[in-house]
Amino acid sequence: MVRLSEFVGVARLEEVPPGEARRVVVQGRVIAVYNVEGELFATDDTCTHAQASLSEGELEGHVIHCPLHGARFDVRTGRVLSPPAYRPLRRYEVQAVDGEIRIKL
């Protein structure tokens, strides 16, 4: 059994190349992992406005665009950058160890 304070492997580093996002499911949580110029970030994958998958949106630098209504979020902080969303995203600590992406729940 995995304790919530532990890092959990979710993907191989090559599965999330720079400039892309990937949806992963970890212990029932749907999370988006982002690679911004080699730096990894993770947030909840669901837009706080209308239940769209953010990993299907466009990642421009550190900004993810919701594919449904265009809300924008900073993947580094989870902060909303433009409406229609107004609630920030939950963030997760991320690390890469031996080519494996791990998320701390």
PDB file of N, CA and C in Angstrom:
ATOM      1  N   MET A   1       0.842  -1.188   0.000  1.00  0.00           N
ATOM      2  CA  MET A   1       0.000   0.000   0.000  1.00  0.00           C
ATOM      3  C   MET A   1       0.887   1.251   0.000  1.00  0.00           C
ATOM      4  N   VAL A   2       0.540   2.237  -0.826  1.00  0.00           N
ATOM      5  CA  VAL A   2       1.310   3.471  -0.945  1.00  0.00           C
ATOM      6  C   VAL A   2       0.751   4.505   0.022  1.00  0.00           C
ATOM      7  N   ARG A   3       1.646   5.075   0.818  1.00  0.00           N
ATOM      8  CA  ARG A   3       1.221   6.161   1.707  1.00  0.00           C
ATOM      9  C   ARG A   3       1.127   7.443   0.901  1.00  0.00           C
ATOM     10  N   LEU A   4       0.241   8.348   1.300  1.00  0.00           N
ATOM     11  CA  LEU A   4       0.019   9.579   0.547  1.00  0.00           C
ATOM     12  C   LEU A   4       1.230  10.487   0.501  1.00  0.00           C
ATOM     13  N   SER A   5       2.197  10.327   1.411  1.00  0.00           N
ATOM     14  CA  SER A   5       3.365  11.202   1.411  1.00  0.00           C
ATOM     15  C   SER A   5       4.468  10.690   0.487  1.00  0.00           C
ATOM     16  N   GLU A   6       4.264   9.557  -0.175  1.00  0.00           N
ATOM     17  CA  GLU A   6       5.279   8.978  -1.030  1.00  0.00           C
ATOM     18  C   GLU A   6       5.103   9.411  -2.481  1.00  0.00           C
ATOM     19  N   PHE A   7       6.223   9.396  -3.217  1.00  0.00           N
ATOM     20  CA  PHE A   7       6.167   9.644  -4.652  1.00  0.00           C
ATOM     21  C   PHE A   7       5.756   8.357  -5.352  1.00  0.00           C
ATOM     22  N   VAL A   8       4.916   8.494  -6.378  1.00  0.00           N
ATOM     23  CA  VAL A   8       4.397   7.360  -7.121  1.00  0.00           C
ATOM     24  C   VAL A   8       4.808   7.518  -8.584  1.00  0.00           C
ATOM     25  N   GLY A   9       5.375   6.462  -9.177  1.00  0.00           N
ATOM     26  CA  GLY A   9       5.745   6.500 -10.584  1.00  0.00           C
ATOM     27  C   GLY A   9       4.505   6.536 -11.463  1.00  0.00           C
ATOM     28  N   VAL A  10       4.505   7.452 -12.463  1.00  0.00           N
ATOM     29  CA  VAL A  10       3.324   7.613 -13.308  1.00  0.00           C
ATOM     30  C   VAL A  10       3.610   7.463 -14.801  1.00  0.00           C
ATOM     31  N   ALA A  11       4.857   7.674 -15.224  1.00  0.00           N
ATOM     32  CA  ALA A  11       5.190   7.602 -16.651  1.00  0.00           C
ATOM     33  C   ALA A  11       6.702   7.615 -16.810  1.00  0.00           C
ATOM     34  N   ARG A  12       7.142   7.260 -17.996  1.00  0.00           N
ATOM     35  CA  ARG A  12       8.549   7.385 -18.353  1.00  0.00           C
ATOM     36  C   ARG A  12       8.769   8.808 -18.874  1.00  0.00           C
ATOM     37  N   LEU A  13       9.931   9.343 -18.649  1.00  0.00           N
ATOM     38  CA  LEU A  13      10.250  10.707 -19.054  1.00  0.00           C
ATOM     39  C   LEU A  13      10.063  10.912 -20.558  1.00  0.00           C
ATOM     40  N   GLU A  14      10.412   9.923 -21.351  1.00  0.00           N
ATOM     41  CA  GLU A  14      10.280  10.059 -22.807  1.00  0.00           C
ATOM     42  C   GLU A  14       8.821  10.104 -23.268  1.00  0.00           C
ATOM     43  N   GLU A  15       7.886   9.727 -22.396  1.00  0.00           N
ATOM     44  CA  GLU A  15       6.466   9.760 -22.740  1.00  0.00           C
ATOM     45  C   GLU A  15       5.870  11.166 -22.652  1.00  0.00           C
ATOM     46  N   VAL A  16       6.614  12.099 -22.053  1.00  0.00           N
ATOM     47  CA  VAL A  16       6.152  13.484 -21.932  1.00  0.00           C
ATOM     48  C   VAL A  16       7.280  14.395 -22.424  1.00  0.00           C
ATOM     49  N   PRO A  17       7.423  14.510 -23.749  1.00  0.00           N
ATOM     50  CA  PRO A  17       8.502  15.344 -24.292  1.00  0.00           C
ATOM     51  C   PRO A  17       8.271  16.831 -24.013  1.00  0.00           C
ATOM     52  N   PRO A  18       9.314  17.641 -24.106  1.00  0.00           N
ATOM     53  CA  PRO A  18       9.169  19.086 -23.884  1.00  0.00           C
ATOM     54  C   PRO A  18       8.054  19.684 -24.742  1.00  0.00           C
ATOM     55  N   GLY A  19       7.253  20.547 -24.107  1.00  0.00           N
ATOM     56  CA  GLY A  19       6.157  21.217 -24.797  1.00  0.00           C
ATOM     57  C   GLY A  19       4.875  20.422 -24.837  1.00  0.00           C
ATOM     58  N   GLU A  20       4.840  19.282 -24.143  1.00  0.00           N
ATOM     59  CA  GLU A  20       3.641  18.444 -24.162  1.00  0.00           C
ATOM     60  C   GLU A  20       3.130  18.149 -22.760  1.00  0.00           C
ATOM     61  N   ALA A  21       1.894  17.675 -22.724  1.00  0.00           N
ATOM     62  CA  ALA A  21       1.242  17.273 -21.478  1.00  0.00           C
ATOM     63  C   ALA A  21       0.731  15.850 -21.643  1.00  0.00           C
ATOM     64  N   ARG A  22       0.601  15.154 -20.520  1.00  0.00           N
ATOM     65  CA  ARG A  22       0.078  13.791 -20.555  1.00  0.00           C
ATOM     66  C   ARG A  22      -0.844  13.589 -19.363  1.00  0.00           C
ATOM     67  N   ARG A  23      -1.941  12.907 -19.604  1.00  0.00           N
ATOM     68  CA  ARG A  23      -2.921  12.570 -18.560  1.00  0.00           C
ATOM     69  C   ARG A  23      -2.504  11.255 -17.920  1.00  0.00           C
ATOM     70  N   VAL A  24      -2.499  11.220 -16.584  1.00  0.00           N
ATOM     71  CA  VAL A  24      -2.220   9.991 -15.842  1.00  0.00           C
ATOM     72  C   VAL A  24      -3.269   9.841 -14.749  1.00  0.00           C
ATOM     73  N   VAL A  25      -3.522   8.616 -14.354  1.00  0.00           N
ATOM     74  CA  VAL A  25      -4.449   8.358 -13.253  1.00  0.00           C
ATOM     75  C   VAL A  25      -3.650   7.704 -12.139  1.00  0.00           C
ATOM     76  N   VAL A  26      -3.676   8.321 -10.958  1.00  0.00           N
ATOM     77  CA  VAL A  26      -2.915   7.848  -9.814  1.00  0.00           C
ATOM     78  C   VAL A  26      -3.853   7.722  -8.624  1.00  0.00           C
ATOM     79  N   GLN A  27      -4.053   6.513  -8.165  1.00  0.00           N
ATOM     80  CA  GLN A  27      -4.909   6.261  -7.007  1.00  0.00           C
ATOM     81  C   GLN A  27      -6.248   7.000  -7.121  1.00  0.00           C
ATOM     82  N   GLY A  28      -6.855   6.916  -8.296  1.00  0.00           N
ATOM     83  CA  GLY A  28      -8.160   7.515  -8.527  1.00  0.00           C
ATOM     84  C   GLY A  28      -8.145   8.986  -8.874  1.00  0.00           C
ATOM     85  N   ARG A  29      -6.984   9.617  -8.840  1.00  0.00           N
ATOM     86  CA  ARG A  29      -6.879  11.039  -9.188  1.00  0.00           C
ATOM     87  C   ARG A  29      -6.440  11.167 -10.644  1.00  0.00           C
ATOM     88  N   VAL A  30      -7.088  12.050 -11.382  1.00  0.00           N
ATOM     89  CA  VAL A  30      -6.717  12.303 -12.773  1.00  0.00           C
ATOM     90  C   VAL A  30      -5.827  13.539 -12.778  1.00  0.00           C
ATOM     91  N   ILE A  31      -4.582  13.345 -13.218  1.00  0.00           N
ATOM     92  CA  ILE A  31      -3.543  14.370 -13.111  1.00  0.00           C
ATOM     93  C   ILE A  31      -2.934  14.617 -14.483  1.00  0.00           C
ATOM     94  N   ALA A  32      -2.594  15.865 -14.754  1.00  0.00           N
ATOM     95  CA  ALA A  32      -1.873  16.221 -15.979  1.00  0.00           C
ATOM     96  C   ALA A  32      -0.421  16.487 -15.604  1.00  0.00           C
ATOM     97  N   VAL A  33       0.482  15.879 -16.364  1.00  0.00           N
ATOM     98  CA  VAL A  33       1.915  16.113 -16.200  1.00  0.00           C
ATOM     99  C   VAL A  33       2.368  16.935 -17.396  1.00  0.00           C
ATOM    100  N   TYR A  34       3.096  18.008 -17.138  1.00  0.00           N
ATOM    101  CA  TYR A  34       3.540  18.930 -18.183  1.00  0.00           C
ATOM    102  C   TYR A  34       5.061  18.963 -18.216  1.00  0.00           C
ATOM    103  N   ASN A  35       5.627  19.045 -19.415  1.00  0.00           N
ATOM    104  CA  ASN A  35       7.062  19.209 -19.581  1.00  0.00           C
ATOM    105  C   ASN A  35       7.286  20.577 -20.222  1.00  0.00           C
ATOM    106  N   VAL A  36       7.793  21.509 -19.430  1.00  0.00           N
ATOM    107  CA  VAL A  36       8.053  22.863 -19.906  1.00  0.00           C
ATOM    108  C   VAL A  36       9.567  23.020 -20.032  1.00  0.00           C
ATOM    109  N   GLU A  37      10.062  22.864 -21.260  1.00  0.00           N
ATOM    110  CA  GLU A  37      11.492  23.000 -21.544  1.00  0.00           C
ATOM    111  C   GLU A  37      12.338  22.138 -20.611  1.00  0.00           C
ATOM    112  N   GLY A  38      11.885  20.909 -20.373  1.00  0.00           N
ATOM    113  CA  GLY A  38      12.628  19.975 -19.537  1.00  0.00           C
ATOM    114  C   GLY A  38      12.291  20.010 -18.063  1.00  0.00           C
ATOM    115  N   GLU A  39      11.492  20.984 -17.634  1.00  0.00           N
ATOM    116  CA  GLU A  39      11.068  21.065 -16.235  1.00  0.00           C
ATOM    117  C   GLU A  39       9.660  20.499 -16.124  1.00  0.00           C
ATOM    118  N   LEU A  40       9.458  19.623 -15.150  1.00  0.00           N
ATOM    119  CA  LEU A  40       8.177  18.928 -15.007  1.00  0.00           C
ATOM    120  C   LEU A  40       7.280  19.595 -13.973  1.00  0.00           C
ATOM    121  N   PHE A  41       5.977  19.616 -14.293  1.00  0.00           N
ATOM    122  CA  PHE A  41       4.961  20.144 -13.393  1.00  0.00           C
ATOM    123  C   PHE A  41       3.761  19.210 -13.451  1.00  0.00           C
ATOM    124  N   ALA A  42       2.923  19.242 -12.416  1.00  0.00           N
ATOM    125  CA  ALA A  42       1.712  18.419 -12.410  1.00  0.00           C
ATOM    126  C   ALA A  42       0.600  19.167 -11.687  1.00  0.00           C
ATOM    127  N   THR A  43      -0.605  19.061 -12.270  1.00  0.00           N
ATOM    128  CA  THR A  43      -1.807  19.653 -11.671  1.00  0.00           C
ATOM    129  C   THR A  43      -2.948  18.661 -11.868  1.00  0.00           C
ATOM    130  N   ASP A  44      -4.078  18.936 -11.240  1.00  0.00           N
ATOM    131  CA  ASP A  44      -5.275  18.182 -11.595  1.00  0.00           C
ATOM    132  C   ASP A  44      -5.487  18.362 -13.089  1.00  0.00           C
ATOM    133  N   ASP A  45      -5.977  17.338 -13.763  1.00  0.00           N
ATOM    134  CA  ASP A  45      -6.167  17.400 -15.212  1.00  0.00           C
ATOM    135  C   ASP A  45      -7.485  18.067 -15.594  1.00  0.00           C
ATOM    136  N   THR A  46      -8.401  18.173 -14.679  1.00  0.00           N
ATOM    137  CA  THR A  46      -9.732  18.688 -14.998  1.00  0.00           C
ATOM    138  C   THR A  46      -9.800  20.193 -14.786  1.00  0.00           C
ATOM    139  N   CYS A  47     -10.230  20.906 -15.826  1.00  0.00           N
ATOM    140  CA  CYS A  47     -10.417  22.348 -15.734  1.00  0.00           C
ATOM    141  C   CYS A  47     -11.419  22.646 -14.619  1.00  0.00           C
ATOM    142  N   THR A  48     -11.141  23.669 -13.845  1.00  0.00           N
ATOM    143  CA  THR A  48     -12.040  24.028 -12.733  1.00  0.00           C
ATOM    144  C   THR A  48     -13.306  24.725 -13.214  1.00  0.00           C
ATOM    145  N   HIS A  49     -13.405  24.979 -14.508  1.00  0.00           N
ATOM    146  CA  HIS A  49     -14.607  25.627 -15.042  1.00  0.00           C
ATOM    147  C   HIS A  49     -15.642  24.620 -15.531  1.00  0.00           C
ATOM    148  N   ALA A  50     -15.226  23.679 -16.421  1.00  0.00           N
ATOM    149  CA  ALA A  50     -16.256  22.864 -17.063  1.00  0.00           C
ATOM    150  C   ALA A  50     -15.842  21.420 -17.340  1.00  0.00           C
ATOM    151  N   GLN A  51     -15.041  20.852 -16.494  1.00  0.00           N
ATOM    152  CA  GLN A  51     -14.740  19.421 -16.545  1.00  0.00           C
ATOM    153  C   GLN A  51     -14.006  18.949 -17.794  1.00  0.00           C
ATOM    154  N   ALA A  52     -13.275  19.807 -18.484  1.00  0.00           N
ATOM    155  CA  ALA A  52     -12.500  19.400 -19.658  1.00  0.00           C
ATOM    156  C   ALA A  52     -11.124  18.906 -19.222  1.00  0.00           C
ATOM    157  N   SER A  53     -10.535  18.028 -20.015  1.00  0.00           N
ATOM    158  CA  SER A  53      -9.194  17.502 -19.749  1.00  0.00           C
ATOM    159  C   SER A  53      -8.144  18.490 -20.228  1.00  0.00           C
ATOM    160  N   LEU A  54      -7.394  19.063 -19.298  1.00  0.00           N
ATOM    161  CA  LEU A  54      -6.384  20.054 -19.651  1.00  0.00           C
ATOM    162  C   LEU A  54      -5.230  19.450 -20.446  1.00  0.00           C
ATOM    163  N   SER A  55      -4.941  18.177 -20.237  1.00  0.00           N
ATOM    164  CA  SER A  55      -3.841  17.548 -20.975  1.00  0.00           C
ATOM    165  C   SER A  55      -4.146  17.477 -22.471  1.00  0.00           C
ATOM    166  N   GLU A  56      -5.400  17.692 -22.858  1.00  0.00           N
ATOM    167  CA  GLU A  56      -5.777  17.730 -24.270  1.00  0.00           C
ATOM    168  C   GLU A  56      -5.700  19.144 -24.836  1.00  0.00           C
ATOM    169  N   GLY A  57      -5.377  20.111 -23.972  1.00  0.00           N
ATOM    170  CA  GLY A  57      -5.266  21.501 -24.411  1.00  0.00           C
ATOM    171  C   GLY A  57      -3.885  21.810 -24.947  1.00  0.00           C
ATOM    172  N   GLU A  58      -3.684  23.055 -25.320  1.00  0.00           N
ATOM    173  CA  GLU A  58      -2.413  23.504 -25.882  1.00  0.00           C
ATOM    174  C   GLU A  58      -1.532  24.062 -24.770  1.00  0.00           C
ATOM    175  N   LEU A  59      -0.295  23.559 -24.702  1.00  0.00           N
ATOM    176  CA  LEU A  59       0.684  24.041 -23.731  1.00  0.00           C
ATOM    177  C   LEU A  59       1.606  25.017 -24.440  1.00  0.00           C
ATOM    178  N   GLU A  60       1.579  26.276 -23.989  1.00  0.00           N
ATOM    179  CA  GLU A  60       2.465  27.308 -24.535  1.00  0.00           C
ATOM    180  C   GLU A  60       3.343  27.802 -23.403  1.00  0.00           C
ATOM    181  N   GLY A  61       4.609  27.393 -23.433  1.00  0.00           N
ATOM    182  CA  GLY A  61       5.487  27.733 -22.322  1.00  0.00           C
ATOM    183  C   GLY A  61       4.934  27.107 -21.060  1.00  0.00           C
ATOM    184  N   HIS A  62       4.687  27.912 -20.049  1.00  0.00           N
ATOM    185  CA  HIS A  62       4.152  27.407 -18.782  1.00  0.00           C
ATOM    186  C   HIS A  62       2.639  27.598 -18.663  1.00  0.00           C
ATOM    187  N   VAL A  63       1.969  27.889 -19.789  1.00  0.00           N
ATOM    188  CA  VAL A  63       0.521  28.144 -19.777  1.00  0.00           C
ATOM    189  C   VAL A  63      -0.212  27.034 -20.520  1.00  0.00           C
ATOM    190  N   ILE A  64      -1.208  26.437 -19.842  1.00  0.00           N
ATOM    191  CA  ILE A  64      -2.065  25.441 -20.489  1.00  0.00           C
ATOM    192  C   ILE A  64      -3.402  26.100 -20.801  1.00  0.00           C
ATOM    193  N   HIS A  65      -3.869  25.874 -22.034  1.00  0.00           N
ATOM    194  CA  HIS A  65      -5.152  26.412 -22.492  1.00  0.00           C
ATOM    195  C   HIS A  65      -6.183  25.290 -22.441  1.00  0.00           C
ATOM    196  N   CYS A  66      -7.281  25.508 -21.758  1.00  0.00           N
ATOM    197  CA  CYS A  66      -8.355  24.524 -21.715  1.00  0.00           C
ATOM    198  C   CYS A  66      -8.928  24.367 -23.126  1.00  0.00           C
ATOM    199  N   PRO A  67      -9.072  23.118 -23.588  1.00  0.00           N
ATOM    200  CA  PRO A  67      -9.565  22.909 -24.946  1.00  0.00           C
ATOM    201  C   PRO A  67     -11.060  23.189 -25.119  1.00  0.00           C
ATOM    202  N   LEU A  68     -11.795  23.332 -24.028  1.00  0.00           N
ATOM    203  CA  LEU A  68     -13.241  23.502 -24.134  1.00  0.00           C
ATOM    204  C   LEU A  68     -13.664  24.973 -24.261  1.00  0.00           C
ATOM    205  N   HIS A  69     -13.284  25.794 -23.280  1.00  0.00           N
ATOM    206  CA  HIS A  69     -13.717  27.195 -23.294  1.00  0.00           C
ATOM    207  C   HIS A  69     -12.565  28.186 -23.250  1.00  0.00           C
ATOM    208  N   GLY A  70     -11.327  27.706 -23.295  1.00  0.00           N
ATOM    209  CA  GLY A  70     -10.186  28.606 -23.410  1.00  0.00           C
ATOM    210  C   GLY A  70      -9.633  29.192 -22.127  1.00  0.00           C
ATOM    211  N   ALA A  71     -10.090  28.734 -20.967  1.00  0.00           N
ATOM    212  CA  ALA A  71      -9.473  29.218 -19.726  1.00  0.00           C
ATOM    213  C   ALA A  71      -7.984  28.894 -19.779  1.00  0.00           C
ATOM    214  N   ARG A  72      -7.180  29.727 -19.139  1.00  0.00           N
ATOM    215  CA  ARG A  72      -5.734  29.499 -19.127  1.00  0.00           C
ATOM    216  C   ARG A  72      -5.242  29.411 -17.691  1.00  0.00           C
ATOM    217  N   PHE A  73      -4.274  28.518 -17.471  1.00  0.00           N
ATOM    218  CA  PHE A  73      -3.699  28.300 -16.148  1.00  0.00           C
ATOM    219  C   PHE A  73      -2.181  28.282 -16.243  1.00  0.00           C
ATOM    220  N   ASP A  74      -1.517  28.728 -15.191  1.00  0.00           N
ATOM    221  CA  ASP A  74      -0.070  28.620 -15.071  1.00  0.00           C
ATOM    222  C   ASP A  74       0.222  27.246 -14.460  1.00  0.00           C
ATOM    223  N   VAL A  75       0.884  26.366 -15.203  1.00  0.00           N
ATOM    224  CA  VAL A  75       1.106  25.003 -14.711  1.00  0.00           C
ATOM    225  C   VAL A  75       2.113  24.974 -13.566  1.00  0.00           C
ATOM    226  N   ARG A  76       2.895  26.034 -13.392  1.00  0.00           N
ATOM    227  CA  ARG A  76       3.866  26.081 -12.287  1.00  0.00           C
ATOM    228  C   ARG A  76       3.179  26.299 -10.951  1.00  0.00           C
ATOM    229  N   THR A  77       2.089  27.056 -10.963  1.00  0.00           N
ATOM    230  CA  THR A  77       1.428  27.445  -9.720  1.00  0.00           C
ATOM    231  C   THR A  77      -0.015  26.970  -9.610  1.00  0.00           C
ATOM    232  N   GLY A  78      -0.631  26.632 -10.747  1.00  0.00           N
ATOM    233  CA  GLY A  78      -2.051  26.288 -10.773  1.00  0.00           C
ATOM    234  C   GLY A  78      -2.951  27.503 -10.875  1.00  0.00           C
ATOM    235  N   ARG A  79      -2.364  28.689 -10.876  1.00  0.00           N
ATOM    236  CA  ARG A  79      -3.119  29.946 -10.876  1.00  0.00           C
ATOM    237  C   ARG A  79      -3.886  30.139 -12.182  1.00  0.00           C
ATOM    238  N   VAL A  80      -5.109  30.657 -12.067  1.00  0.00           N
ATOM    239  CA  VAL A  80      -5.927  30.993 -13.230  1.00  0.00           C
ATOM    240  C   VAL A  80      -5.356  32.265 -13.853  1.00  0.00           C
ATOM    241  N   LEU A  81      -5.168  32.227 -15.185  1.00  0.00           N
ATOM    242  CA  LEU A  81      -4.667  33.393 -15.900  1.00  0.00           C
ATOM    243  C   LEU A  81      -5.760  34.095 -16.699  1.00  0.00           C
ATOM    244  N   SER A  82      -6.833  33.355 -17.040  1.00  0.00           N
ATOM    245  CA  SER A  82      -7.947  33.995 -17.743  1.00  0.00           C
ATOM    246  C   SER A  82      -9.219  33.185 -17.558  1.00  0.00           C
ATOM    247  N   PRO A  83     -10.372  33.879 -17.538  1.00  0.00           N
ATOM    248  CA  PRO A  83     -11.659  33.211 -17.399  1.00  0.00           C
ATOM    249  C   PRO A  83     -11.971  32.388 -18.643  1.00  0.00           C
ATOM    250  N   PRO A  84     -12.965  31.528 -18.573  1.00  0.00           N
ATOM    251  CA  PRO A  84     -14.056  31.538 -17.605  1.00  0.00           C
ATOM    252  C   PRO A  84     -13.751  30.835 -16.279  1.00  0.00           C
ATOM    253  N   ALA A  85     -12.624  30.168 -16.148  1.00  0.00           N
ATOM    254  CA  ALA A  85     -12.288  29.553 -14.858  1.00  0.00           C
ATOM    255  C   ALA A  85     -11.941  30.644 -13.855  1.00  0.00           C
ATOM    256  N   TYR A  86     -12.196  30.374 -12.594  1.00  0.00           N
ATOM    257  CA  TYR A  86     -11.818  31.328 -11.552  1.00  0.00           C
ATOM    258  C   TYR A  86     -11.153  30.644 -10.361  1.00  0.00           C
ATOM    259  N   ARG A  87     -11.269  29.308 -10.272  1.00  0.00           N
ATOM    260  CA  ARG A  87     -10.614  28.565  -9.191  1.00  0.00           C
ATOM    261  C   ARG A  87      -9.296  27.973  -9.695  1.00  0.00           C
ATOM    262  N   PRO A  88      -8.235  28.068  -8.899  1.00  0.00           N
ATOM    263  CA  PRO A  88      -6.945  27.521  -9.317  1.00  0.00           C
ATOM    264  C   PRO A  88      -6.959  25.990  -9.327  1.00  0.00           C
ATOM    265  N   LEU A  89      -5.951  25.436  -9.958  1.00  0.00           N
ATOM    266  CA  LEU A  89      -5.774  23.986 -10.012  1.00  0.00           C
ATOM    267  C   LEU A  89      -4.951  23.510  -8.823  1.00  0.00           C
ATOM    268  N   ARG A  90      -5.219  22.314  -8.359  1.00  0.00           N
ATOM    269  CA  ARG A  90      -4.378  21.683  -7.343  1.00  0.00           C
ATOM    270  C   ARG A  90      -3.063  21.279  -8.020  1.00  0.00           C
ATOM    271  N   ARG A  91      -1.949  21.565  -7.375  1.00  0.00           N
ATOM    272  CA  ARG A  91      -0.630  21.209  -7.896  1.00  0.00           C
ATOM    273  C   ARG A  91      -0.081  20.002  -7.143  1.00  0.00           C
ATOM    274  N   TYR A  92       0.835  19.315  -7.797  1.00  0.00           N
ATOM    275  CA  TYR A  92       1.498  18.171  -7.197  1.00  0.00           C
ATOM    276  C   TYR A  92       3.008  18.313  -7.386  1.00  0.00           C
ATOM    277  N   GLU A  93       3.749  17.897  -6.402  1.00  0.00           N
ATOM    278  CA  GLU A  93       5.200  17.886  -6.507  1.00  0.00           C
ATOM    279  C   GLU A  93       5.609  16.772  -7.468  1.00  0.00           C
ATOM    280  N   VAL A  94       6.586  17.057  -8.324  1.00  0.00           N
ATOM    281  CA  VAL A  94       7.015  16.114  -9.353  1.00  0.00           C
ATOM    282  C   VAL A  94       8.530  15.958  -9.289  1.00  0.00           C
ATOM    283  N   GLN A  95       8.995  14.751  -9.592  1.00  0.00           N
ATOM    284  CA  GLN A  95      10.424  14.514  -9.718  1.00  0.00           C
ATOM    285  C   GLN A  95      10.653  13.482 -10.801  1.00  0.00           C
ATOM    286  N   ALA A  96      11.833  13.504 -11.383  1.00  0.00           N
ATOM    287  CA  ALA A  96      12.234  12.485 -12.351  1.00  0.00           C
ATOM    288  C   ALA A  96      13.428  11.750 -11.758  1.00  0.00           C
ATOM    289  N   VAL A  97      13.293  10.432 -11.653  1.00  0.00           N
ATOM    290  CA  VAL A  97      14.348   9.601 -11.088  1.00  0.00           C
ATOM    291  C   VAL A  97      14.595   8.440 -12.038  1.00  0.00           C
ATOM    292  N   ASP A  98      15.818   8.342 -12.524  1.00  0.00           N
ATOM    293  CA  ASP A  98      16.190   7.253 -13.434  1.00  0.00           C
ATOM    294  C   ASP A  98      15.220   7.136 -14.608  1.00  0.00           C
ATOM    295  N   GLY A  99      14.823   8.277 -15.180  1.00  0.00           N
ATOM    296  CA  GLY A  99      13.944   8.282 -16.345  1.00  0.00           C
ATOM    297  C   GLY A  99      12.475   8.064 -16.041  1.00  0.00           C
ATOM    298  N   GLU A 100      12.124   7.979 -14.766  1.00  0.00           N
ATOM    299  CA  GLU A 100      10.730   7.781 -14.372  1.00  0.00           C
ATOM    300  C   GLU A 100      10.176   9.060 -13.764  1.00  0.00           C
ATOM    301  N   ILE A 101       8.984   9.471 -14.206  1.00  0.00           N
ATOM    302  CA  ILE A 101       8.314  10.638 -13.627  1.00  0.00           C
ATOM    303  C   ILE A 101       7.525  10.146 -12.426  1.00  0.00           C
ATOM    304  N   ARG A 102       7.725  10.828 -11.284  1.00  0.00           N
ATOM    305  CA  ARG A 102       7.040  10.473 -10.048  1.00  0.00           C
ATOM    306  C   ARG A 102       6.309  11.688  -9.508  1.00  0.00           C
ATOM    307  N   ILE A 103       5.129  11.435  -8.943  1.00  0.00           N
ATOM    308  CA  ILE A 103       4.290  12.489  -8.376  1.00  0.00           C
ATOM    309  C   ILE A 103       4.047  12.191  -6.903  1.00  0.00           C
ATOM    310  N   LYS A 104       4.119  13.249  -6.100  1.00  0.00           N
ATOM    311  CA  LYS A 104       3.818  13.119  -4.671  1.00  0.00           C
ATOM    312  C   LYS A 104       2.377  13.520  -4.446  1.00  0.00           C
ATOM    313  N   LEU A 105       1.597  12.601  -3.884  1.00  0.00           N
ATOM    314  CA  LEU A 105       0.181  12.883  -3.635  1.00  0.00           C
ATOM    315  C   LEU A 105      -0.018  13.542  -2.290  1.00  0.00           C
TER     316      LEU A 105
END
